[in-house]
Each structure stands twice: as C-alpha cells, then as structure tokens.
C-alpha cells in the first residue's frame, strides 16, 4: 500500500508541475517591447550639479543617471 502511494505521488507531482508551468493566465501577456537607446541624462546631471554647487559640494559621478529614449523610424534612415 505504501509503495503504491509513493509511486502515484512520484508520477502525479511532475505531471501537475508541468501543467502549471505551461498554463497561461490573463494576467501574464506577452507585450512587444519598443527598441530603446539608453543615454546619459545630462539635464538631470545639470540640476544635481547646480544644487550641489549652491551648497558648496563637489559631485564626482560614478554612475551617471541614464534615461531611455525610444528609437523612432526617422532615426533609422
């Protein structure tokens, strides 16, 4: 009896897990992602540098702020 229960459990568990992994739910949809360029955000750097200078602080950028810019069809031509 115990052996048959272990056999059933060892077969049923992978089947259930595979079924859950392949199911789709309405909450998860595949969306197309627009191609983007990541550029340094110079405006944000200027604002932070200006505020720092007013307080007498010198800013040394290690990781510059970045922003994403959508690539338009006009840029490709």
PDB file of N, CA and C in Angstrom:
ATOM      1  N   UNK A   1       0.826  -1.190   0.000  1.00  0.00           N
ATOM      2  CA  UNK A   1       0.000   0.000   0.000  1.00  0.00           C
ATOM      3  C   UNK A   1       0.873   1.257   0.000  1.00  0.00           C
ATOM      4  N   UNK A   2       1.849   1.275   0.879  1.00  0.00           N
ATOM      5  CA  UNK A   2       2.716   2.445   0.980  1.00  0.00           C
ATOM      6  C   UNK A   2       3.528   2.649  -0.297  1.00  0.00           C
ATOM      7  N   UNK A   3       3.933   1.534  -0.886  1.00  0.00           N
ATOM      8  CA  UNK A   3       4.725   1.609  -2.118  1.00  0.00           C
ATOM      9  C   UNK A   3       3.881   2.155  -3.274  1.00  0.00           C
ATOM     10  N   UNK A   4       2.628   1.737  -3.372  1.00  0.00           N
ATOM     11  CA  UNK A   4       1.762   2.227  -4.450  1.00  0.00           C
ATOM     12  C   UNK A   4       1.443   3.715  -4.283  1.00  0.00           C
ATOM     13  N   UNK A   5       1.302   4.180  -3.063  1.00  0.00           N
ATOM     14  CA  UNK A   5       1.064   5.608  -2.825  1.00  0.00           C
ATOM     15  C   UNK A   5       2.278   6.439  -3.227  1.00  0.00           C
ATOM     16  N   UNK A   6       3.470   5.931  -2.930  1.00  0.00           N
ATOM     17  CA  UNK A   6       4.700   6.640  -3.323  1.00  0.00           C
ATOM     18  C   UNK A   6       4.830   6.684  -4.836  1.00  0.00           C
ATOM     19  N   UNK A   7       4.456   5.602  -5.513  1.00  0.00           N
ATOM     20  CA  UNK A   7       4.512   5.557  -6.968  1.00  0.00           C
ATOM     21  C   UNK A   7       3.529   6.551  -7.575  1.00  0.00           C
ATOM     22  N   UNK A   8       2.321   6.582  -7.052  1.00  0.00           N
ATOM     23  CA  UNK A   8       1.314   7.526  -7.555  1.00  0.00           C
ATOM     24  C   UNK A   8       1.759   8.963  -7.315  1.00  0.00           C
ATOM     25  N   UNK A   9       2.288   9.242  -6.150  1.00  0.00           N
ATOM     26  CA  UNK A   9       2.750  10.600  -5.837  1.00  0.00           C
ATOM     27  C   UNK A   9       3.923  10.993  -6.718  1.00  0.00           C
ATOM     28  N   UNK A  10       4.839  10.070  -6.979  1.00  0.00           N
ATOM     29  CA  UNK A  10       6.009  10.409  -7.786  1.00  0.00           C
ATOM     30  C   UNK A  10       5.645  10.620  -9.247  1.00  0.00           C
ATOM     31  N   UNK A  11       4.542  10.060  -9.707  1.00  0.00           N
ATOM     32  CA  UNK A  11       4.081  10.276 -11.078  1.00  0.00           C
ATOM     33  C   UNK A  11       3.201  11.522 -11.152  1.00  0.00           C
ATOM     34  N   UNK A  12       2.349  11.728 -10.169  1.00  0.00           N
ATOM     35  CA  UNK A  12       1.394  12.832 -10.210  1.00  0.00           C
ATOM     36  C   UNK A  12       2.057  14.189 -10.017  1.00  0.00           C
ATOM     37  N   UNK A  13       3.057  14.265  -9.161  1.00  0.00           N
ATOM     38  CA  UNK A  13       3.687  15.559  -8.880  1.00  0.00           C
ATOM     39  C   UNK A  13       4.322  16.181 -10.124  1.00  0.00           C
ATOM     40  N   UNK A  14       5.159  15.460 -10.888  1.00  0.00           N
ATOM     41  CA  UNK A  14       5.717  16.081 -12.098  1.00  0.00           C
ATOM     42  C   UNK A  14       4.656  16.462 -13.121  1.00  0.00           C
ATOM     43  N   UNK A  15       3.606  15.672 -13.238  1.00  0.00           N
ATOM     44  CA  UNK A  15       2.537  15.997 -14.180  1.00  0.00           C
ATOM     45  C   UNK A  15       1.856  17.299 -13.778  1.00  0.00           C
ATOM     46  N   UNK A  16       1.583  17.471 -12.494  1.00  0.00           N
ATOM     47  CA  UNK A  16       0.954  18.709 -12.019  1.00  0.00           C
ATOM     48  C   UNK A  16       1.874  19.905 -12.213  1.00  0.00           C
ATOM     49  N   UNK A  17       3.155  19.739 -11.934  1.00  0.00           N
ATOM     50  CA  UNK A  17       4.086  20.859 -12.084  1.00  0.00           C
ATOM     51  C   UNK A  17       4.259  21.255 -13.538  1.00  0.00           C
ATOM     52  N   UNK A  18       4.301  20.286 -14.430  1.00  0.00           N
ATOM     53  CA  UNK A  18       4.418  20.605 -15.855  1.00  0.00           C
ATOM     54  C   UNK A  18       3.167  21.326 -16.328  1.00  0.00           C
ATOM     55  N   UNK A  19       2.012  20.900 -15.856  1.00  0.00           N
ATOM     56  CA  UNK A  19       0.758  21.551 -16.238  1.00  0.00           C
ATOM     57  C   UNK A  19       0.712  22.996 -15.776  1.00  0.00           C
ATOM     58  N   UNK A  20       1.197  23.284 -14.587  1.00  0.00           N
ATOM     59  CA  UNK A  20       1.203  24.656 -14.079  1.00  0.00           C
ATOM     60  C   UNK A  20       2.204  25.522 -14.838  1.00  0.00           C
ATOM     61  N   UNK A  21       3.292  24.942 -15.257  1.00  0.00           N
ATOM     62  CA  UNK A  21       4.320  25.713 -15.936  1.00  0.00           C
ATOM     63  C   UNK A  21       3.898  26.111 -17.336  1.00  0.00           C
ATOM     64  N   UNK A  22       3.029  25.335 -17.956  1.00  0.00           N
ATOM     65  CA  UNK A  22       2.649  25.628 -19.335  1.00  0.00           C
ATOM     66  C   UNK A  22       1.323  26.356 -19.449  1.00  0.00           C
ATOM     67  N   UNK A  23       0.622  26.561 -18.352  1.00  0.00           N
ATOM     68  CA  UNK A  23      -0.664  27.247 -18.438  1.00  0.00           C
ATOM     69  C   UNK A  23      -0.444  28.738 -18.602  1.00  0.00           C
ATOM     70  N   UNK A  24      -1.372  29.366 -19.289  1.00  0.00           N
ATOM     71  CA  UNK A  24      -1.318  30.817 -19.454  1.00  0.00           C
ATOM     72  C   UNK A  24      -2.452  31.427 -18.652  1.00  0.00           C
ATOM     73  N   UNK A  25      -2.182  32.563 -18.076  1.00  0.00           N
ATOM     74  CA  UNK A  25      -3.233  33.241 -17.338  1.00  0.00           C
ATOM     75  C   UNK A  25      -3.418  34.619 -17.950  1.00  0.00           C
ATOM     76  N   UNK A  26      -4.585  35.209 -17.822  1.00  0.00           N
ATOM     77  CA  UNK A  26      -4.828  36.520 -18.431  1.00  0.00           C
ATOM     78  C   UNK A  26      -3.949  37.621 -17.850  1.00  0.00           C
ATOM     79  N   UNK A  27      -3.404  37.434 -16.672  1.00  0.00           N
ATOM     80  CA  UNK A  27      -2.564  38.452 -16.066  1.00  0.00           C
ATOM     81  C   UNK A  27      -1.195  38.569 -16.703  1.00  0.00           C
ATOM     82  N   UNK A  28      -0.779  37.509 -17.352  1.00  0.00           N
ATOM     83  CA  UNK A  28       0.553  37.496 -17.964  1.00  0.00           C
ATOM     84  C   UNK A  28       0.402  37.434 -19.467  1.00  0.00           C
ATOM     85  N   UNK A  29       0.625  38.559 -20.116  1.00  0.00           N
ATOM     86  CA  UNK A  29       0.538  38.584 -21.567  1.00  0.00           C
ATOM     87  C   UNK A  29       1.883  39.026 -22.129  1.00  0.00           C
ATOM     88  N   UNK A  30       2.164  38.540 -23.304  1.00  0.00           N
ATOM     89  CA  UNK A  30       3.408  38.927 -23.953  1.00  0.00           C
ATOM     90  C   UNK A  30       3.201  40.253 -24.649  1.00  0.00           C
ATOM     91  N   UNK A  31       4.043  41.200 -24.339  1.00  0.00           N
ATOM     92  CA  UNK A  31       3.926  42.517 -24.938  1.00  0.00           C
ATOM     93  C   UNK A  31       5.160  42.769 -25.787  1.00  0.00           C
ATOM     94  N   UNK A  32       4.955  43.460 -26.878  1.00  0.00           N
ATOM     95  CA  UNK A  32       6.097  43.817 -27.694  1.00  0.00           C
ATOM     96  C   UNK A  32       6.822  44.965 -27.024  1.00  0.00           C
ATOM     97  N   UNK A  33       8.118  44.913 -27.038  1.00  0.00           N
ATOM     98  CA  UNK A  33       8.936  45.925 -26.397  1.00  0.00           C
ATOM     99  C   UNK A  33       9.534  46.809 -27.482  1.00  0.00           C
ATOM    100  N   UNK A  34       9.350  48.101 -27.309  1.00  0.00           N
ATOM    101  CA  UNK A  34       9.919  49.031 -28.277  1.00  0.00           C
ATOM    102  C   UNK A  34      11.429  49.070 -28.120  1.00  0.00           C
ATOM    103  N   UNK A  35      12.151  49.148 -29.225  1.00  0.00           N
ATOM    104  CA  UNK A  35      13.602  49.297 -29.106  1.00  0.00           C
ATOM    105  C   UNK A  35      13.942  50.678 -28.537  1.00  0.00           C
ATOM    106  N   UNK A  36      14.871  50.712 -27.614  1.00  0.00           N
ATOM    107  CA  UNK A  36      15.233  51.969 -26.968  1.00  0.00           C
ATOM    108  C   UNK A  36      16.740  52.129 -26.952  1.00  0.00           C
ATOM    109  N   UNK A  37      17.174  53.359 -26.873  1.00  0.00           N
ATOM    110  CA  UNK A  37      18.566  53.692 -26.624  1.00  0.00           C
ATOM    111  C   UNK A  37      18.673  54.174 -25.185  1.00  0.00           C
ATOM    112  N   UNK A  38      19.723  53.781 -24.510  1.00  0.00           N
ATOM    113  CA  UNK A  38      19.981  54.273 -23.158  1.00  0.00           C
ATOM    114  C   UNK A  38      21.043  55.349 -23.287  1.00  0.00           C
ATOM    115  N   UNK A  39      20.692  56.566 -22.865  1.00  0.00           N
ATOM    116  CA  UNK A  39      21.603  57.705 -22.980  1.00  0.00           C
ATOM    117  C   UNK A  39      21.801  58.343 -21.612  1.00  0.00           C
ATOM    118  N   UNK A  40      22.888  59.079 -21.474  1.00  0.00           N
ATOM    119  CA  UNK A  40      23.154  59.802 -20.228  1.00  0.00           C
ATOM    120  C   UNK A  40      22.182  60.957 -20.130  1.00  0.00           C
ATOM    121  N   UNK A  41      21.564  61.129 -18.967  1.00  0.00           N
ATOM    122  CA  UNK A  41      20.591  62.194 -18.732  1.00  0.00           C
ATOM    123  C   UNK A  41      21.334  63.448 -18.282  1.00  0.00           C
ATOM    124  N   UNK A  42      21.745  64.255 -19.246  1.00  0.00           N
ATOM    125  CA  UNK A  42      22.532  65.451 -18.951  1.00  0.00           C
ATOM    126  C   UNK A  42      21.723  66.504 -18.212  1.00  0.00           C
ATOM    127  N   UNK A  43      20.404  66.573 -18.484  1.00  0.00           N
ATOM    128  CA  UNK A  43      19.568  67.554 -17.779  1.00  0.00           C
ATOM    129  C   UNK A  43      19.528  67.255 -16.280  1.00  0.00           C
ATOM    130  N   UNK A  44      19.364  65.994 -15.931  1.00  0.00           N
ATOM    131  CA  UNK A  44      19.325  65.617 -14.520  1.00  0.00           C
ATOM    132  C   UNK A  44      20.677  65.872 -13.859  1.00  0.00           C
ATOM    133  N   UNK A  45      21.758  65.601 -14.583  1.00  0.00           N
ATOM    134  CA  UNK A  45      23.095  65.874 -14.043  1.00  0.00           C
ATOM    135  C   UNK A  45      23.286  67.361 -13.781  1.00  0.00           C
ATOM    136  N   UNK A  46      22.786  68.191 -14.699  1.00  0.00           N
ATOM    137  CA  UNK A  46      22.934  69.634 -14.541  1.00  0.00           C
ATOM    138  C   UNK A  46      22.164  70.133 -13.324  1.00  0.00           C
ATOM    139  N   UNK A  47      20.959  69.609 -13.114  1.00  0.00           N
ATOM    140  CA  UNK A  47      20.153  70.025 -11.961  1.00  0.00           C
ATOM    141  C   UNK A  47      20.859  69.640 -10.661  1.00  0.00           C
ATOM    142  N   UNK A  48      21.373  68.420 -10.595  1.00  0.00           N
ATOM    143  CA  UNK A  48      22.048  67.954  -9.383  1.00  0.00           C
ATOM    144  C   UNK A  48      23.348  68.707  -9.160  1.00  0.00           C
ATOM    145  N   UNK A  49      24.111  68.945 -10.223  1.00  0.00           N
ATOM    146  CA  UNK A  49      25.361  69.695 -10.090  1.00  0.00           C
ATOM    147  C   UNK A  49      25.107  71.121  -9.616  1.00  0.00           C
ATOM    148  N   UNK A  50      24.050  71.744 -10.144  1.00  0.00           N
ATOM    149  CA  UNK A  50      23.733  73.123  -9.753  1.00  0.00           C
ATOM    150  C   UNK A  50      23.353  73.184  -8.264  1.00  0.00           C
ATOM    151  N   UNK A  51      22.516  72.231  -7.831  1.00  0.00           N
ATOM    152  CA  UNK A  51      22.115  72.205  -6.417  1.00  0.00           C
ATOM    153  C   UNK A  51      23.320  71.928  -5.518  1.00  0.00           C
ATOM    154  N   UNK A  52      24.226  71.094  -5.969  1.00  0.00           N
ATOM    155  CA  UNK A  52      25.412  70.777  -5.173  1.00  0.00           C
ATOM    156  C   UNK A  52      26.338  71.986  -5.071  1.00  0.00           C
ATOM    157  N   UNK A  53      26.511  72.723  -6.173  1.00  0.00           N
ATOM    158  CA  UNK A  53      27.371  73.920  -6.147  1.00  0.00           C
ATOM    159  C   UNK A  53      26.818  74.980  -5.205  1.00  0.00           C
ATOM    160  N   UNK A  54      25.473  75.116  -5.164  1.00  0.00           N
ATOM    161  CA  UNK A  54      24.869  76.091  -4.258  1.00  0.00           C
ATOM    162  C   UNK A  54      25.160  75.742  -2.801  1.00  0.00           C
ATOM    163  N   UNK A  55      25.339  74.468  -2.507  1.00  0.00           N
ATOM    164  CA  UNK A  55      25.635  74.029  -1.136  1.00  0.00           C
ATOM    165  C   UNK A  55      27.131  73.877  -0.885  1.00  0.00           C
ATOM    166  N   UNK A  56      27.935  74.134  -1.900  1.00  0.00           N
ATOM    167  CA  UNK A  56      29.378  74.024  -1.742  1.00  0.00           C
ATOM    168  C   UNK A  56      29.896  72.597  -1.783  1.00  0.00           C
ATOM    169  N   UNK A  57      29.175  71.733  -2.477  1.00  0.00           N
ATOM    170  CA  UNK A  57      29.554  70.321  -2.566  1.00  0.00           C
ATOM    171  C   UNK A  57      30.042  70.039  -3.978  1.00  0.00           C
ATOM    172  N   UNK A  58      31.122  69.270  -4.082  1.00  0.00           N
ATOM    173  CA  UNK A  58      31.633  68.866  -5.383  1.00  0.00           C
ATOM    174  C   UNK A  58      31.135  67.448  -5.678  1.00  0.00           C
ATOM    175  N   UNK A  59      30.480  67.263  -6.816  1.00  0.00           N
ATOM    176  CA  UNK A  59      29.926  65.956  -7.185  1.00  0.00           C
ATOM    177  C   UNK A  59      30.891  65.275  -8.141  1.00  0.00           C
ATOM    178  N   UNK A  60      31.230  64.028  -7.829  1.00  0.00           N
ATOM    179  CA  UNK A  60      32.033  63.201  -8.725  1.00  0.00           C
ATOM    180  C   UNK A  60      31.159  62.029  -9.132  1.00  0.00           C
ATOM    181  N   UNK A  61      30.772  61.977 -10.402  1.00  0.00           N
ATOM    182  CA  UNK A  61      29.835  60.977 -10.890  1.00  0.00           C
ATOM    183  C   UNK A  61      30.537  59.640 -11.081  1.00  0.00           C
ATOM    184  N   UNK A  62      30.035  58.619 -10.424  1.00  0.00           N
ATOM    185  CA  UNK A  62      30.495  57.244 -10.624  1.00  0.00           C
ATOM    186  C   UNK A  62      29.577  56.564 -11.634  1.00  0.00           C
ATOM    187  N   UNK A  63      28.290  56.586 -11.380  1.00  0.00           N
ATOM    188  CA  UNK A  63      27.275  56.060 -12.300  1.00  0.00           C
ATOM    189  C   UNK A  63      26.381  57.216 -12.703  1.00  0.00           C
ATOM    190  N   UNK A  64      26.560  57.674 -13.913  1.00  0.00           N
ATOM    191  CA  UNK A  64      25.761  58.800 -14.389  1.00  0.00           C
ATOM    192  C   UNK A  64      24.309  58.388 -14.559  1.00  0.00           C
ATOM    193  N   UNK A  65      23.380  59.312 -14.284  1.00  0.00           N
ATOM    194  CA  UNK A  65      21.959  58.975 -14.478  1.00  0.00           C
ATOM    195  C   UNK A  65      21.680  58.714 -15.953  1.00  0.00           C
ATOM    196  N   UNK A  66      20.844  57.731 -16.198  1.00  0.00           N
ATOM    197  CA  UNK A  66      20.520  57.360 -17.568  1.00  0.00           C
ATOM    198  C   UNK A  66      19.025  57.459 -17.789  1.00  0.00           C
ATOM    199  N   UNK A  67      18.663  57.599 -19.053  1.00  0.00           N
ATOM    200  CA  UNK A  67      17.250  57.581 -19.427  1.00  0.00           C
ATOM    201  C   UNK A  67      17.126  56.814 -20.729  1.00  0.00           C
ATOM    202  N   UNK A  68      15.947  56.296 -20.947  1.00  0.00           N
ATOM    203  CA  UNK A  68      15.678  55.516 -22.156  1.00  0.00           C
ATOM    204  C   UNK A  68      14.970  56.395 -23.176  1.00  0.00           C
ATOM    205  N   UNK A  69      15.468  56.345 -24.402  1.00  0.00           N
ATOM    206  CA  UNK A  69      14.895  57.128 -25.486  1.00  0.00           C
ATOM    207  C   UNK A  69      14.435  56.152 -26.560  1.00  0.00           C
ATOM    208  N   UNK A  70      13.172  56.243 -26.941  1.00  0.00           N
ATOM    209  CA  UNK A  70      12.634  55.351 -27.972  1.00  0.00           C
ATOM    210  C   UNK A  70      13.296  55.647 -29.307  1.00  0.00           C
ATOM    211  N   UNK A  71      13.590  54.590 -30.026  1.00  0.00           N
ATOM    212  CA  UNK A  71      14.170  54.730 -31.357  1.00  0.00           C
ATOM    213  C   UNK A  71      13.006  54.880 -32.328  1.00  0.00           C
ATOM    214  N   UNK A  72      12.979  55.989 -33.025  1.00  0.00           N
ATOM    215  CA  UNK A  72      11.886  56.210 -33.975  1.00  0.00           C
ATOM    216  C   UNK A  72      12.323  55.749 -35.349  1.00  0.00           C
ATOM    217  N   UNK A  73      11.363  55.624 -36.222  1.00  0.00           N
ATOM    218  CA  UNK A  73      11.670  55.199 -37.584  1.00  0.00           C
ATOM    219  C   UNK A  73      12.515  56.240 -38.308  1.00  0.00           C
ATOM    220  N   UNK A  74      12.389  57.514 -37.944  1.00  0.00           N
ATOM    221  CA  UNK A  74      13.147  58.569 -38.583  1.00  0.00           C
ATOM    222  C   UNK A  74      14.627  58.464 -38.255  1.00  0.00           C
ATOM    223  N   UNK A  75      14.966  57.964 -37.059  1.00  0.00           N
ATOM    224  CA  UNK A  75      16.352  57.833 -36.671  1.00  0.00           C
ATOM    225  C   UNK A  75      17.068  56.740 -37.448  1.00  0.00           C
ATOM    226  N   UNK A  76      16.322  55.737 -37.916  1.00  0.00           N
ATOM    227  CA  UNK A  76      16.926  54.633 -38.637  1.00  0.00           C
ATOM    228  C   UNK A  76      17.358  55.011 -40.050  1.00  0.00           C
ATOM    229  N   UNK A  77      16.731  56.005 -40.625  1.00  0.00           N
ATOM    230  CA  UNK A  77      17.039  56.379 -42.016  1.00  0.00           C
ATOM    231  C   UNK A  77      18.235  57.268 -42.118  1.00  0.00           C
TER     232      UNK A  77
END
